Structures are given as C-alpha cells and as structure tokens.
Amino acid sequence: MTTLETTRPDATSRRTPALSERALLQYEVEQFLYEEAALLDARRYRDWLGLLADDIHYWMPIRRTVTLSDLDLEFTRPGEMAFFDDDREMLEMRVRKLEAGSAWSEDPPSRSRHFVSNVRLLEIDRDEVTVEACFQLCRSRLNSEASTWVGRRIDVLRRDGEAFRLARRQLFLDQTIILSTNMSTIF
C-alpha cells in the first residue's frame, strides 16, 4: 500500500493524499478499531495484545472540574496521577491476571460492549496515523452492577505490513466522578 503523508512546512517530499486514498485509509482505520472492540467484548485479550505495538503507551489522565479560567488544568498531565499510564509490560500483566482468574474484580467476568464513533483522521505521517474517536464502554457485572464510561480518545496507529498496530492511546473521560467499584475493564 502507498504511504500517505500530509503537507507540513518542513516537509520536502510530502504530499496530501487524494480523496480516494483518504477514504480507503478511513475505512481501514475504522475496521481496525471495530475489530479491536469486538476482541475486547469477546474477552479475547491475548488476541488484543497482538494488535499492540511493542512501544505502546496507554494513558488515561484524571479529569477535574475547573472554572473556565483554569481549563488548561482540567486533565492531569503526563507524569502526574492518571487512571492508566501503562506500557506493554503493564498491559500484558493485566491480561495475565484476567486470564488466570486472579483479578477478583473480574471473577465472574464482566460483560462489556465497546462503542467507537466519530472517527476522524487527524494526521497522516509516514507509517503512522493519528486518529480521534468518541467511545462509550458499557459494562455489566454480577446481577446488578452496571457502569458506563464515555469520552474521546486519540490513538496513534502504526502501519505494520498490511496491518496496523496501536502505538499510543490517550483516553479522556467526560465524567469527573467514577461511580463504578473498579476500572478493571480494558478501554
């Protein structure tokens, strides 16, 4: 497949992709995100790990309610407290716990449904595509526990042959108060 690149002031041999190339890339990105959601909903965590780049960074900052004058402080910054600040090793450890049944909060396992929408290609740079999308994660557990998380995320997908690998995920929740008893589900 042809590498698609956007025009930047410092670029010497970059080009803006044609509409047909962008439409094909949009389709490929959406299919990757939908497949990822299906793997997580089916609890196929080992297969999900196969979608991740070795240098993955999976980060969810904490959101705070702030005044209009302090909007730049709404989310914690990298290096500060976060719900998740994981690399591949941490994500593999989470999957091992889920598979082994040693995660008390997931035995019996949760039932989840991942929704991804409003997918937009933000940047195309060599073999990486930066994507913004909205998400909703609905989880039910036991007989009466139900949780929903809503937000947006920014993903960096890296081309690996004919496939993509998730190289970075930044998750920004809409809610500031988490009412669920745990956040053991993979977003």
N, C-alpha and C. Protein backbone atom coordinates (compact mmCIF):
# COMPACT_ATOMS: atom_id res chain seq x y z
N MET A 1 0.84 -1.18 0.00
CA MET A 1 0.00 0.00 0.00
C MET A 1 0.88 1.24 0.00
N THR A 2 0.44 2.27 -0.64
CA THR A 2 1.16 3.53 -0.71
C THR A 2 1.16 4.21 0.65
N THR A 3 2.32 4.75 1.03
CA THR A 3 2.40 5.51 2.27
C THR A 3 1.79 6.88 2.02
N LEU A 4 0.88 7.29 2.89
CA LEU A 4 0.21 8.57 2.76
C LEU A 4 0.83 9.56 3.73
N GLU A 5 1.04 10.78 3.30
CA GLU A 5 1.63 11.79 4.16
C GLU A 5 0.92 13.12 3.97
N THR A 6 0.89 13.92 5.01
CA THR A 6 0.27 15.24 4.92
C THR A 6 1.34 16.28 4.67
N THR A 7 0.92 17.43 4.20
CA THR A 7 1.85 18.51 3.94
C THR A 7 2.14 19.26 5.23
N ARG A 8 3.41 19.48 5.50
CA ARG A 8 3.87 20.26 6.65
C ARG A 8 4.89 21.27 6.15
N PRO A 9 5.07 22.38 6.88
CA PRO A 9 6.01 23.40 6.42
C PRO A 9 7.43 22.88 6.24
N ASP A 10 7.87 21.90 7.08
CA ASP A 10 9.24 21.42 6.99
C ASP A 10 9.39 20.22 6.04
N ALA A 11 8.33 19.80 5.42
CA ALA A 11 8.38 18.62 4.55
C ALA A 11 8.94 19.00 3.19
N THR A 12 9.76 18.09 2.66
CA THR A 12 10.31 18.34 1.34
C THR A 12 9.66 17.47 0.28
N SER A 13 9.33 16.23 0.64
CA SER A 13 8.75 15.34 -0.37
C SER A 13 7.42 14.76 0.10
N ARG A 14 6.68 15.49 0.88
CA ARG A 14 5.38 15.00 1.36
C ARG A 14 4.28 15.50 0.45
N ARG A 15 3.15 14.79 0.53
CA ARG A 15 2.03 15.19 -0.31
C ARG A 15 0.73 14.98 0.45
N THR A 16 -0.29 15.66 0.00
CA THR A 16 -1.62 15.48 0.55
C THR A 16 -2.27 14.33 -0.19
N PRO A 17 -2.80 13.32 0.55
CA PRO A 17 -3.39 12.18 -0.15
C PRO A 17 -4.67 12.56 -0.89
N ALA A 18 -4.90 11.86 -1.97
CA ALA A 18 -6.12 12.06 -2.74
C ALA A 18 -7.32 11.58 -1.92
N LEU A 19 -8.49 12.07 -2.27
CA LEU A 19 -9.71 11.72 -1.55
C LEU A 19 -9.91 10.20 -1.51
N SER A 20 -9.67 9.53 -2.62
CA SER A 20 -9.87 8.07 -2.65
C SER A 20 -8.91 7.37 -1.69
N GLU A 21 -7.68 7.85 -1.58
CA GLU A 21 -6.71 7.26 -0.65
C GLU A 21 -7.12 7.52 0.79
N ARG A 22 -7.59 8.73 1.05
CA ARG A 22 -8.05 9.07 2.41
C ARG A 22 -9.28 8.25 2.79
N ALA A 23 -10.20 8.05 1.85
CA ALA A 23 -11.40 7.26 2.12
C ALA A 23 -11.03 5.81 2.42
N LEU A 24 -10.09 5.26 1.68
CA LEU A 24 -9.63 3.89 1.93
C LEU A 24 -8.95 3.80 3.30
N LEU A 25 -8.12 4.77 3.61
CA LEU A 25 -7.45 4.78 4.91
C LEU A 25 -8.47 4.91 6.04
N GLN A 26 -9.46 5.77 5.87
CA GLN A 26 -10.53 5.93 6.87
C GLN A 26 -11.21 4.59 7.11
N TYR A 27 -11.53 3.88 6.05
CA TYR A 27 -12.17 2.57 6.16
C TYR A 27 -11.27 1.58 6.90
N GLU A 28 -10.00 1.53 6.55
CA GLU A 28 -9.06 0.61 7.20
C GLU A 28 -8.93 0.92 8.70
N VAL A 29 -8.84 2.19 9.03
CA VAL A 29 -8.73 2.60 10.44
C VAL A 29 -9.99 2.19 11.20
N GLU A 30 -11.15 2.50 10.64
CA GLU A 30 -12.40 2.14 11.31
C GLU A 30 -12.51 0.63 11.50
N GLN A 31 -12.15 -0.15 10.51
CA GLN A 31 -12.22 -1.61 10.64
C GLN A 31 -11.27 -2.10 11.73
N PHE A 32 -10.10 -1.51 11.83
CA PHE A 32 -9.17 -1.86 12.91
C PHE A 32 -9.80 -1.58 14.28
N LEU A 33 -10.38 -0.40 14.44
CA LEU A 33 -10.97 -0.01 15.72
C LEU A 33 -12.18 -0.90 16.07
N TYR A 34 -12.98 -1.25 15.07
CA TYR A 34 -14.14 -2.11 15.32
C TYR A 34 -13.69 -3.53 15.68
N GLU A 35 -12.67 -4.03 15.01
CA GLU A 35 -12.13 -5.36 15.33
C GLU A 35 -11.57 -5.37 16.75
N GLU A 36 -10.86 -4.32 17.12
CA GLU A 36 -10.32 -4.22 18.47
C GLU A 36 -11.46 -4.28 19.50
N ALA A 37 -12.52 -3.52 19.28
CA ALA A 37 -13.67 -3.51 20.19
C ALA A 37 -14.28 -4.90 20.29
N ALA A 38 -14.41 -5.59 19.17
CA ALA A 38 -15.01 -6.93 19.17
C ALA A 38 -14.13 -7.90 19.96
N LEU A 39 -12.82 -7.81 19.83
CA LEU A 39 -11.92 -8.69 20.59
C LEU A 39 -12.09 -8.46 22.09
N LEU A 40 -12.16 -7.21 22.50
CA LEU A 40 -12.30 -6.91 23.92
C LEU A 40 -13.66 -7.40 24.45
N ASP A 41 -14.71 -7.19 23.68
CA ASP A 41 -16.04 -7.63 24.12
C ASP A 41 -16.12 -9.16 24.20
N ALA A 42 -15.36 -9.86 23.38
CA ALA A 42 -15.34 -11.32 23.39
C ALA A 42 -14.33 -11.88 24.40
N ARG A 43 -13.70 -10.99 25.15
CA ARG A 43 -12.67 -11.36 26.14
C ARG A 43 -11.50 -12.09 25.51
N ARG A 44 -11.18 -11.74 24.29
CA ARG A 44 -10.03 -12.33 23.59
C ARG A 44 -8.83 -11.42 23.80
N TYR A 45 -8.40 -11.33 25.04
CA TYR A 45 -7.36 -10.37 25.45
C TYR A 45 -6.01 -10.69 24.83
N ARG A 46 -5.68 -11.95 24.68
CA ARG A 46 -4.39 -12.32 24.08
C ARG A 46 -4.36 -11.84 22.63
N ASP A 47 -5.46 -12.00 21.89
CA ASP A 47 -5.54 -11.50 20.52
C ASP A 47 -5.45 -9.98 20.50
N TRP A 48 -6.07 -9.33 21.51
CA TRP A 48 -5.99 -7.87 21.60
C TRP A 48 -4.54 -7.42 21.77
N LEU A 49 -3.78 -8.14 22.61
CA LEU A 49 -2.36 -7.79 22.77
C LEU A 49 -1.62 -7.86 21.44
N GLY A 50 -2.06 -8.74 20.56
CA GLY A 50 -1.44 -8.84 19.24
C GLY A 50 -1.63 -7.61 18.37
N LEU A 51 -2.57 -6.75 18.74
CA LEU A 51 -2.80 -5.51 17.99
C LEU A 51 -1.90 -4.36 18.47
N LEU A 52 -1.17 -4.58 19.55
CA LEU A 52 -0.39 -3.50 20.16
C LEU A 52 1.05 -3.49 19.67
N ALA A 53 1.57 -2.28 19.48
CA ALA A 53 2.99 -2.11 19.17
C ALA A 53 3.81 -2.41 20.42
N ASP A 54 5.04 -2.80 20.24
CA ASP A 54 5.91 -3.10 21.39
C ASP A 54 6.12 -1.88 22.28
N ASP A 55 6.09 -0.69 21.70
CA ASP A 55 6.34 0.54 22.47
C ASP A 55 5.04 1.27 22.82
N ILE A 56 3.94 0.53 22.96
CA ILE A 56 2.63 1.13 23.27
C ILE A 56 2.69 1.99 24.52
N HIS A 57 1.98 3.11 24.49
CA HIS A 57 1.74 3.91 25.70
C HIS A 57 0.23 4.11 25.78
N TYR A 58 -0.34 3.64 26.88
CA TYR A 58 -1.79 3.60 27.11
C TYR A 58 -2.05 4.47 28.33
N TRP A 59 -2.68 5.63 28.11
CA TRP A 59 -2.74 6.65 29.17
C TRP A 59 -4.14 7.24 29.29
N MET A 60 -4.64 7.29 30.53
CA MET A 60 -5.91 7.95 30.82
C MET A 60 -5.70 8.90 31.99
N PRO A 61 -5.64 10.21 31.71
CA PRO A 61 -5.46 11.18 32.79
C PRO A 61 -6.74 11.31 33.62
N ILE A 62 -6.60 11.91 34.76
CA ILE A 62 -7.75 12.20 35.63
C ILE A 62 -8.33 13.54 35.21
N ARG A 63 -9.64 13.60 35.13
CA ARG A 63 -10.33 14.84 34.76
C ARG A 63 -10.83 15.51 36.03
N ARG A 64 -10.68 16.81 36.07
CA ARG A 64 -11.16 17.60 37.22
C ARG A 64 -12.16 18.63 36.73
N THR A 65 -13.08 19.00 37.61
CA THR A 65 -13.99 20.10 37.32
C THR A 65 -13.27 21.40 37.68
N VAL A 66 -13.11 22.25 36.70
CA VAL A 66 -12.38 23.51 36.90
C VAL A 66 -13.20 24.67 36.33
N THR A 67 -12.86 25.85 36.74
CA THR A 67 -13.54 27.03 36.20
C THR A 67 -13.05 27.32 34.79
N LEU A 68 -13.78 28.15 34.10
CA LEU A 68 -13.44 28.48 32.73
C LEU A 68 -12.03 29.04 32.61
N SER A 69 -11.60 29.79 33.59
CA SER A 69 -10.26 30.39 33.53
C SER A 69 -9.15 29.37 33.76
N ASP A 70 -9.50 28.17 34.23
CA ASP A 70 -8.49 27.15 34.52
C ASP A 70 -8.64 25.90 33.64
N LEU A 71 -9.24 26.05 32.46
CA LEU A 71 -9.48 24.88 31.60
C LEU A 71 -8.20 24.13 31.25
N ASP A 72 -7.06 24.82 31.24
CA ASP A 72 -5.81 24.14 30.93
C ASP A 72 -5.40 23.16 32.04
N LEU A 73 -6.08 23.20 33.18
CA LEU A 73 -5.80 22.29 34.30
C LEU A 73 -6.84 21.18 34.42
N GLU A 74 -7.74 21.10 33.44
CA GLU A 74 -8.85 20.14 33.52
C GLU A 74 -8.36 18.69 33.60
N PHE A 75 -7.34 18.34 32.85
CA PHE A 75 -6.79 16.99 32.85
C PHE A 75 -5.40 17.00 33.46
N THR A 76 -5.09 15.93 34.20
CA THR A 76 -3.72 15.80 34.69
C THR A 76 -2.79 15.63 33.49
N ARG A 77 -1.55 15.93 33.70
CA ARG A 77 -0.57 15.88 32.62
C ARG A 77 0.27 14.60 32.72
N PRO A 78 0.94 14.23 31.64
CA PRO A 78 1.84 13.07 31.72
C PRO A 78 2.82 13.24 32.89
N GLY A 79 3.02 12.16 33.62
CA GLY A 79 3.89 12.19 34.79
C GLY A 79 3.14 12.47 36.08
N GLU A 80 1.91 12.99 35.97
CA GLU A 80 1.08 13.22 37.15
C GLU A 80 0.16 12.01 37.33
N MET A 81 -0.71 12.07 38.34
CA MET A 81 -1.62 10.95 38.59
C MET A 81 -2.48 10.69 37.35
N ALA A 82 -2.76 9.42 37.12
CA ALA A 82 -3.58 9.01 35.98
C ALA A 82 -4.29 7.72 36.35
N PHE A 83 -5.43 7.47 35.71
CA PHE A 83 -6.10 6.19 35.90
C PHE A 83 -5.26 5.07 35.31
N PHE A 84 -4.71 5.32 34.13
CA PHE A 84 -3.81 4.37 33.47
C PHE A 84 -2.61 5.13 32.93
N ASP A 85 -1.46 4.54 33.07
CA ASP A 85 -0.22 5.06 32.47
C ASP A 85 0.64 3.83 32.21
N ASP A 86 0.21 3.03 31.23
CA ASP A 86 0.74 1.69 31.02
C ASP A 86 1.59 1.57 29.77
N ASP A 87 2.59 0.72 29.87
CA ASP A 87 3.36 0.30 28.71
C ASP A 87 2.95 -1.13 28.37
N ARG A 88 3.63 -1.74 27.44
CA ARG A 88 3.25 -3.09 27.01
C ARG A 88 3.36 -4.09 28.17
N GLU A 89 4.40 -3.99 28.95
CA GLU A 89 4.59 -4.92 30.07
C GLU A 89 3.42 -4.85 31.05
N MET A 90 2.96 -3.65 31.37
CA MET A 90 1.82 -3.50 32.29
C MET A 90 0.54 -4.06 31.68
N LEU A 91 0.33 -3.82 30.40
CA LEU A 91 -0.87 -4.34 29.73
C LEU A 91 -0.83 -5.87 29.67
N GLU A 92 0.33 -6.43 29.41
CA GLU A 92 0.45 -7.89 29.41
C GLU A 92 0.18 -8.46 30.79
N MET A 93 0.63 -7.76 31.84
CA MET A 93 0.37 -8.21 33.20
C MET A 93 -1.14 -8.17 33.49
N ARG A 94 -1.83 -7.12 33.05
CA ARG A 94 -3.28 -7.04 33.24
C ARG A 94 -3.98 -8.21 32.55
N VAL A 95 -3.54 -8.53 31.34
CA VAL A 95 -4.15 -9.64 30.60
C VAL A 95 -3.87 -10.97 31.30
N ARG A 96 -2.65 -11.17 31.78
CA ARG A 96 -2.35 -12.41 32.51
C ARG A 96 -3.25 -12.57 33.73
N LYS A 97 -3.49 -11.47 34.45
CA LYS A 97 -4.39 -11.54 35.62
C LYS A 97 -5.81 -11.89 35.19
N LEU A 98 -6.27 -11.30 34.11
CA LEU A 98 -7.62 -11.61 33.62
C LEU A 98 -7.74 -13.07 33.19
N GLU A 99 -6.71 -13.58 32.50
CA GLU A 99 -6.74 -14.96 32.03
C GLU A 99 -6.61 -15.97 33.17
N ALA A 100 -5.85 -15.61 34.21
CA ALA A 100 -5.61 -16.54 35.31
C ALA A 100 -6.74 -16.58 36.32
N GLY A 101 -7.66 -15.62 36.22
CA GLY A 101 -8.75 -15.56 37.19
C GLY A 101 -8.31 -14.99 38.53
N SER A 102 -7.13 -14.37 38.57
CA SER A 102 -6.63 -13.82 39.84
C SER A 102 -7.05 -12.37 40.06
N ALA A 103 -7.79 -11.81 39.13
CA ALA A 103 -8.32 -10.46 39.31
C ALA A 103 -9.71 -10.62 39.95
N TRP A 104 -9.80 -10.41 41.27
CA TRP A 104 -11.07 -10.64 41.98
C TRP A 104 -12.22 -9.84 41.38
N SER A 105 -11.89 -8.67 40.83
CA SER A 105 -12.95 -7.82 40.27
C SER A 105 -13.46 -8.33 38.93
N GLU A 106 -12.84 -9.38 38.41
CA GLU A 106 -13.28 -9.94 37.13
C GLU A 106 -13.59 -11.43 37.22
N ASP A 107 -13.95 -11.88 38.42
CA ASP A 107 -14.36 -13.27 38.60
C ASP A 107 -15.62 -13.32 39.44
N PRO A 108 -16.79 -13.47 38.89
CA PRO A 108 -17.04 -13.80 37.49
C PRO A 108 -16.73 -12.60 36.58
N PRO A 109 -16.45 -12.88 35.31
CA PRO A 109 -16.04 -11.82 34.40
C PRO A 109 -17.16 -10.85 34.04
N SER A 110 -16.74 -9.63 33.77
CA SER A 110 -17.67 -8.60 33.31
C SER A 110 -18.13 -8.90 31.90
N ARG A 111 -19.26 -8.34 31.56
CA ARG A 111 -19.75 -8.34 30.19
C ARG A 111 -19.61 -6.90 29.69
N SER A 112 -18.98 -6.72 28.56
CA SER A 112 -18.74 -5.35 28.09
C SER A 112 -19.19 -5.18 26.65
N ARG A 113 -19.42 -3.93 26.32
CA ARG A 113 -19.73 -3.53 24.95
C ARG A 113 -18.98 -2.23 24.71
N HIS A 114 -18.09 -2.25 23.72
CA HIS A 114 -17.31 -1.08 23.35
C HIS A 114 -17.92 -0.47 22.09
N PHE A 115 -18.23 0.81 22.16
CA PHE A 115 -18.73 1.54 21.00
C PHE A 115 -17.69 2.59 20.61
N VAL A 116 -17.41 2.67 19.32
CA VAL A 116 -16.46 3.64 18.78
C VAL A 116 -17.18 4.40 17.68
N SER A 117 -17.11 5.73 17.72
CA SER A 117 -17.80 6.53 16.69
C SER A 117 -17.03 7.82 16.42
N ASN A 118 -17.54 8.58 15.47
CA ASN A 118 -16.98 9.88 15.12
C ASN A 118 -15.47 9.80 14.87
N VAL A 119 -15.07 8.79 14.13
CA VAL A 119 -13.65 8.55 13.85
C VAL A 119 -13.16 9.59 12.85
N ARG A 120 -12.11 10.30 13.24
CA ARG A 120 -11.52 11.32 12.37
C ARG A 120 -10.02 11.11 12.26
N LEU A 121 -9.51 11.19 11.03
CA LEU A 121 -8.07 11.12 10.82
C LEU A 121 -7.51 12.52 11.08
N LEU A 122 -6.64 12.64 12.07
CA LEU A 122 -6.07 13.95 12.40
C LEU A 122 -4.77 14.22 11.67
N GLU A 123 -3.95 13.17 11.54
CA GLU A 123 -2.65 13.36 10.92
C GLU A 123 -2.19 12.05 10.30
N ILE A 124 -1.59 12.17 9.13
CA ILE A 124 -1.00 11.03 8.45
C ILE A 124 0.46 11.37 8.24
N ASP A 125 1.33 10.60 8.87
CA ASP A 125 2.76 10.91 8.81
C ASP A 125 3.54 9.62 8.62
N ARG A 126 4.04 9.43 7.44
CA ARG A 126 4.78 8.22 7.07
C ARG A 126 3.95 6.98 7.38
N ASP A 127 4.38 6.17 8.36
CA ASP A 127 3.67 4.92 8.65
C ASP A 127 2.74 5.04 9.85
N GLU A 128 2.47 6.25 10.33
CA GLU A 128 1.59 6.44 11.48
C GLU A 128 0.40 7.32 11.14
N VAL A 129 -0.74 6.95 11.70
CA VAL A 129 -1.97 7.72 11.52
C VAL A 129 -2.47 8.08 12.91
N THR A 130 -2.69 9.37 13.15
CA THR A 130 -3.27 9.83 14.41
C THR A 130 -4.77 9.99 14.21
N VAL A 131 -5.52 9.36 15.10
CA VAL A 131 -6.97 9.25 14.95
C VAL A 131 -7.64 9.75 16.23
N GLU A 132 -8.71 10.52 16.07
CA GLU A 132 -9.54 10.90 17.21
C GLU A 132 -10.88 10.18 17.04
N ALA A 133 -11.41 9.67 18.16
CA ALA A 133 -12.70 8.99 18.12
C ALA A 133 -13.41 9.18 19.44
N CYS A 134 -14.71 9.07 19.41
CA CYS A 134 -15.52 9.05 20.63
C CYS A 134 -15.71 7.59 21.03
N PHE A 135 -15.85 7.34 22.32
CA PHE A 135 -16.08 5.98 22.77
C PHE A 135 -17.12 5.96 23.88
N GLN A 136 -17.76 4.82 23.97
CA GLN A 136 -18.63 4.52 25.11
C GLN A 136 -18.35 3.07 25.47
N LEU A 137 -18.10 2.84 26.73
CA LEU A 137 -17.86 1.50 27.23
C LEU A 137 -18.94 1.20 28.27
N CYS A 138 -19.75 0.19 27.98
CA CYS A 138 -20.79 -0.25 28.90
C CYS A 138 -20.36 -1.59 29.47
N ARG A 139 -20.42 -1.69 30.79
CA ARG A 139 -20.02 -2.93 31.45
C ARG A 139 -21.08 -3.33 32.45
N SER A 140 -21.44 -4.61 32.44
CA SER A 140 -22.32 -5.15 33.48
C SER A 140 -21.58 -6.30 34.14
N ARG A 141 -21.82 -6.41 35.43
CA ARG A 141 -21.11 -7.42 36.20
C ARG A 141 -22.04 -7.94 37.28
N LEU A 142 -21.89 -9.20 37.59
CA LEU A 142 -22.77 -9.86 38.56
C LEU A 142 -24.22 -9.69 38.10
N ASN A 143 -25.16 -9.55 39.01
CA ASN A 143 -26.57 -9.43 38.61
C ASN A 143 -27.08 -8.00 38.60
N SER A 144 -26.36 -7.09 39.25
CA SER A 144 -26.92 -5.75 39.38
C SER A 144 -25.93 -4.62 39.14
N GLU A 145 -24.68 -4.91 38.91
CA GLU A 145 -23.69 -3.85 38.75
C GLU A 145 -23.58 -3.45 37.27
N ALA A 146 -23.75 -2.18 37.00
CA ALA A 146 -23.61 -1.67 35.64
C ALA A 146 -22.84 -0.35 35.67
N SER A 147 -21.92 -0.21 34.73
CA SER A 147 -21.10 1.00 34.65
C SER A 147 -21.03 1.44 33.20
N THR A 148 -20.92 2.74 33.00
CA THR A 148 -20.76 3.30 31.67
C THR A 148 -19.71 4.40 31.74
N TRP A 149 -18.78 4.36 30.78
CA TRP A 149 -17.79 5.42 30.64
C TRP A 149 -17.92 5.98 29.23
N VAL A 150 -17.84 7.29 29.12
CA VAL A 150 -17.97 7.98 27.84
C VAL A 150 -16.83 8.96 27.72
N GLY A 151 -16.32 9.11 26.52
CA GLY A 151 -15.25 10.08 26.32
C GLY A 151 -14.76 10.10 24.89
N ARG A 152 -13.58 10.65 24.76
CA ARG A 152 -12.92 10.67 23.45
C ARG A 152 -11.53 10.13 23.65
N ARG A 153 -10.95 9.71 22.57
CA ARG A 153 -9.58 9.21 22.65
C ARG A 153 -8.81 9.63 21.43
N ILE A 154 -7.52 9.66 21.60
CA ILE A 154 -6.61 9.93 20.50
C ILE A 154 -5.68 8.73 20.41
N ASP A 155 -5.72 8.06 19.28
CA ASP A 155 -4.89 6.89 19.04
C ASP A 155 -3.87 7.18 17.96
N VAL A 156 -2.71 6.57 18.10
CA VAL A 156 -1.73 6.55 17.02
C VAL A 156 -1.62 5.12 16.55
N LEU A 157 -1.98 4.90 15.29
CA LEU A 157 -1.90 3.59 14.68
C LEU A 157 -0.68 3.57 13.76
N ARG A 158 0.12 2.53 13.91
CA ARG A 158 1.34 2.40 13.11
C ARG A 158 1.18 1.26 12.12
N ARG A 159 1.48 1.54 10.88
CA ARG A 159 1.39 0.53 9.83
C ARG A 159 2.47 -0.52 10.07
N ASP A 160 2.07 -1.80 10.02
CA ASP A 160 2.98 -2.93 10.17
C ASP A 160 2.64 -3.91 9.07
N GLY A 161 3.30 -3.77 7.93
CA GLY A 161 2.94 -4.55 6.75
C GLY A 161 1.58 -4.10 6.25
N GLU A 162 0.64 -5.02 6.16
CA GLU A 162 -0.72 -4.69 5.72
C GLU A 162 -1.64 -4.36 6.88
N ALA A 163 -1.15 -4.48 8.11
CA ALA A 163 -1.98 -4.27 9.29
C ALA A 163 -1.55 -3.02 10.05
N PHE A 164 -2.33 -2.67 11.05
CA PHE A 164 -1.98 -1.60 11.96
C PHE A 164 -1.63 -2.20 13.32
N ARG A 165 -0.84 -1.46 14.07
CA ARG A 165 -0.59 -1.75 15.49
C ARG A 165 -0.91 -0.47 16.25
N LEU A 166 -1.52 -0.62 17.41
CA LEU A 166 -1.82 0.52 18.26
C LEU A 166 -0.54 0.92 19.00
N ALA A 167 -0.03 2.11 18.71
CA ALA A 167 1.23 2.57 19.30
C ALA A 167 1.00 3.51 20.49
N ARG A 168 -0.13 4.20 20.49
CA ARG A 168 -0.42 5.12 21.60
C ARG A 168 -1.93 5.30 21.70
N ARG A 169 -2.40 5.33 22.96
CA ARG A 169 -3.82 5.62 23.21
C ARG A 169 -3.89 6.59 24.37
N GLN A 170 -4.59 7.70 24.13
CA GLN A 170 -4.89 8.68 25.18
C GLN A 170 -6.40 8.72 25.32
N LEU A 171 -6.88 8.41 26.52
CA LEU A 171 -8.32 8.35 26.80
C LEU A 171 -8.72 9.52 27.68
N PHE A 172 -9.71 10.28 27.26
CA PHE A 172 -10.17 11.45 28.00
C PHE A 172 -11.64 11.23 28.36
N LEU A 173 -11.90 10.88 29.62
CA LEU A 173 -13.27 10.64 30.07
C LEU A 173 -14.06 11.94 30.14
N ASP A 174 -15.35 11.86 29.87
CA ASP A 174 -16.23 13.01 30.06
C ASP A 174 -16.55 13.21 31.53
N GLN A 175 -16.68 12.12 32.29
CA GLN A 175 -17.06 12.27 33.68
C GLN A 175 -15.84 12.54 34.57
N THR A 176 -16.09 13.25 35.66
CA THR A 176 -15.04 13.53 36.64
C THR A 176 -15.16 12.62 37.85
N ILE A 177 -16.33 12.07 38.08
CA ILE A 177 -16.54 11.16 39.22
C ILE A 177 -16.82 9.78 38.65
N ILE A 178 -16.05 8.82 39.10
CA ILE A 178 -16.22 7.43 38.67
C ILE A 178 -17.06 6.71 39.72
N LEU A 179 -18.24 6.27 39.36
CA LEU A 179 -19.15 5.64 40.31
C LEU A 179 -18.98 4.12 40.37
N SER A 180 -18.26 3.54 39.43
CA SER A 180 -18.09 2.09 39.42
C SER A 180 -17.14 1.66 40.54
N THR A 181 -17.27 0.41 40.94
CA THR A 181 -16.44 -0.11 42.02
C THR A 181 -15.01 -0.37 41.60
N ASN A 182 -14.77 -0.50 40.31
CA ASN A 182 -13.41 -0.71 39.79
C ASN A 182 -13.37 -0.33 38.32
N MET A 183 -12.15 -0.24 37.80
CA MET A 183 -11.96 0.03 36.37
C MET A 183 -11.06 -1.06 35.78
N SER A 184 -11.46 -2.31 35.97
CA SER A 184 -10.65 -3.43 35.53
C SER A 184 -10.85 -3.77 34.05
N THR A 185 -11.83 -3.17 33.42
CA THR A 185 -12.09 -3.41 32.02
C THR A 185 -11.10 -2.66 31.16
N ILE A 186 -10.66 -3.25 30.07
CA ILE A 186 -9.75 -2.57 29.16
C ILE A 186 -10.57 -1.68 28.24
N PHE A 187 -10.18 -0.43 28.16
CA PHE A 187 -10.88 0.55 27.35
C PHE A 187 -10.43 0.44 25.91
